[in-house]
Structures are given as structure tokens and as C-alpha cells.
Amino acid sequence: MELKDNVFYTPTEFAELRGCNVDTARIIFNIADFPSEDYGKEKVALGSAIREWYSQKRKKGE
């Protein structure tokens, strides 16, 4: 699976992309600066926003 810029991803799809479990993906989606948004009862994130978020350096705990 490849990250596409104009597609919204759920935590389940993100987990498959990243190779982590769904619980870890949900934790990432709930990080304050992660670009997710509520869509109905689930969170989603746009592929291009995910790519941009990963392009920025962060220190653990920030």
C-alpha cells in the first residue's frame, strides 16, 4: 500500500501503511499536532498532511 496525497486515511489504513498495530495508529492520530480530524465517529487524515507531518523533525516527548 502506498500513501496517496489526496486520499483520507483511517487509523486502520494508516496502521497498514506504517506497519504498526491499530492501537498504535490511534495513539498517533490523537497526538495534538498530528493532522487528523473527526469524520463521523472516526478520525481521518489526508495523505498529503501525513506526509508533511512526517517531514518535520520532532524530539521524543514533544
Protein backbone atom coordinates (compact mmCIF):
# COMPACT_ATOMS: atom_id res chain seq x y z
CA MET A 1 0.00 0.00 0.00
CA GLU A 2 1.29 3.46 -0.91
CA LEU A 3 0.42 6.79 0.71
CA LYS A 4 -1.57 8.91 -1.75
CA ASP A 5 -1.77 12.67 -1.22
CA ASN A 6 -5.47 13.24 -1.99
CA VAL A 7 -6.88 10.32 -0.01
CA PHE A 8 -8.19 10.35 3.55
CA TYR A 9 -6.86 7.52 5.73
CA THR A 10 -8.42 5.95 8.82
CA PRO A 11 -6.28 4.67 11.68
CA THR A 12 -6.77 1.12 10.37
CA GLU A 13 -5.48 2.04 6.91
CA PHE A 14 -2.67 4.09 8.42
CA ALA A 15 -1.61 1.10 10.52
CA GLU A 16 -1.33 -0.99 7.36
CA LEU A 17 0.72 1.74 5.64
CA ARG A 18 3.06 2.21 8.57
CA GLY A 19 3.31 -1.45 9.56
CA CYS A 20 2.08 -0.95 13.11
CA ASN A 21 -0.95 -2.17 15.00
CA VAL A 22 -4.24 -0.26 15.01
CA ASP A 23 -3.86 0.80 18.68
CA THR A 24 -0.54 2.49 17.87
CA ALA A 25 -2.13 4.21 14.86
CA ARG A 26 -4.95 5.53 17.07
CA ILE A 27 -2.39 6.90 19.53
CA ILE A 28 -0.63 8.71 16.66
CA PHE A 29 -3.97 10.08 15.38
CA ASN A 30 -4.59 11.56 18.85
CA ILE A 31 -1.23 13.38 19.08
CA ALA A 32 -2.02 17.09 19.36
CA ASP A 33 -0.10 18.18 16.25
CA PHE A 34 -0.98 15.19 14.05
CA PRO A 35 -3.21 16.39 11.17
CA SER A 36 -6.23 14.20 11.87
CA GLU A 37 -9.82 15.35 12.06
CA ASP A 38 -13.09 13.85 13.20
CA TYR A 39 -15.26 12.42 10.46
CA GLY A 40 -18.41 10.99 11.94
CA LYS A 41 -17.37 8.51 14.62
CA GLU A 42 -13.86 8.04 13.26
CA LYS A 43 -10.73 10.12 12.77
CA VAL A 44 -9.22 10.56 9.31
CA ALA A 45 -6.07 12.21 7.97
CA LEU A 46 -5.28 13.42 4.48
CA GLY A 47 -2.32 11.68 2.86
CA SER A 48 -0.53 14.92 1.95
CA ALA A 49 -0.92 16.18 5.54
CA ILE A 50 0.50 12.92 6.90
CA ARG A 51 3.47 13.23 4.54
CA GLU A 52 4.06 16.85 5.65
CA TRP A 53 3.79 15.87 9.34
CA TYR A 54 6.43 13.16 8.90
CA SER A 55 8.75 15.56 7.04
CA GLN A 56 9.17 17.70 10.17
CA LYS A 57 11.73 16.69 12.80
CA ARG A 58 10.41 16.07 16.29
CA LYS A 59 12.02 15.11 19.53
CA LYS A 60 10.54 12.29 21.55
CA GLY A 61 8.07 13.65 24.08
CA GLU A 62 7.16 16.78 22.11
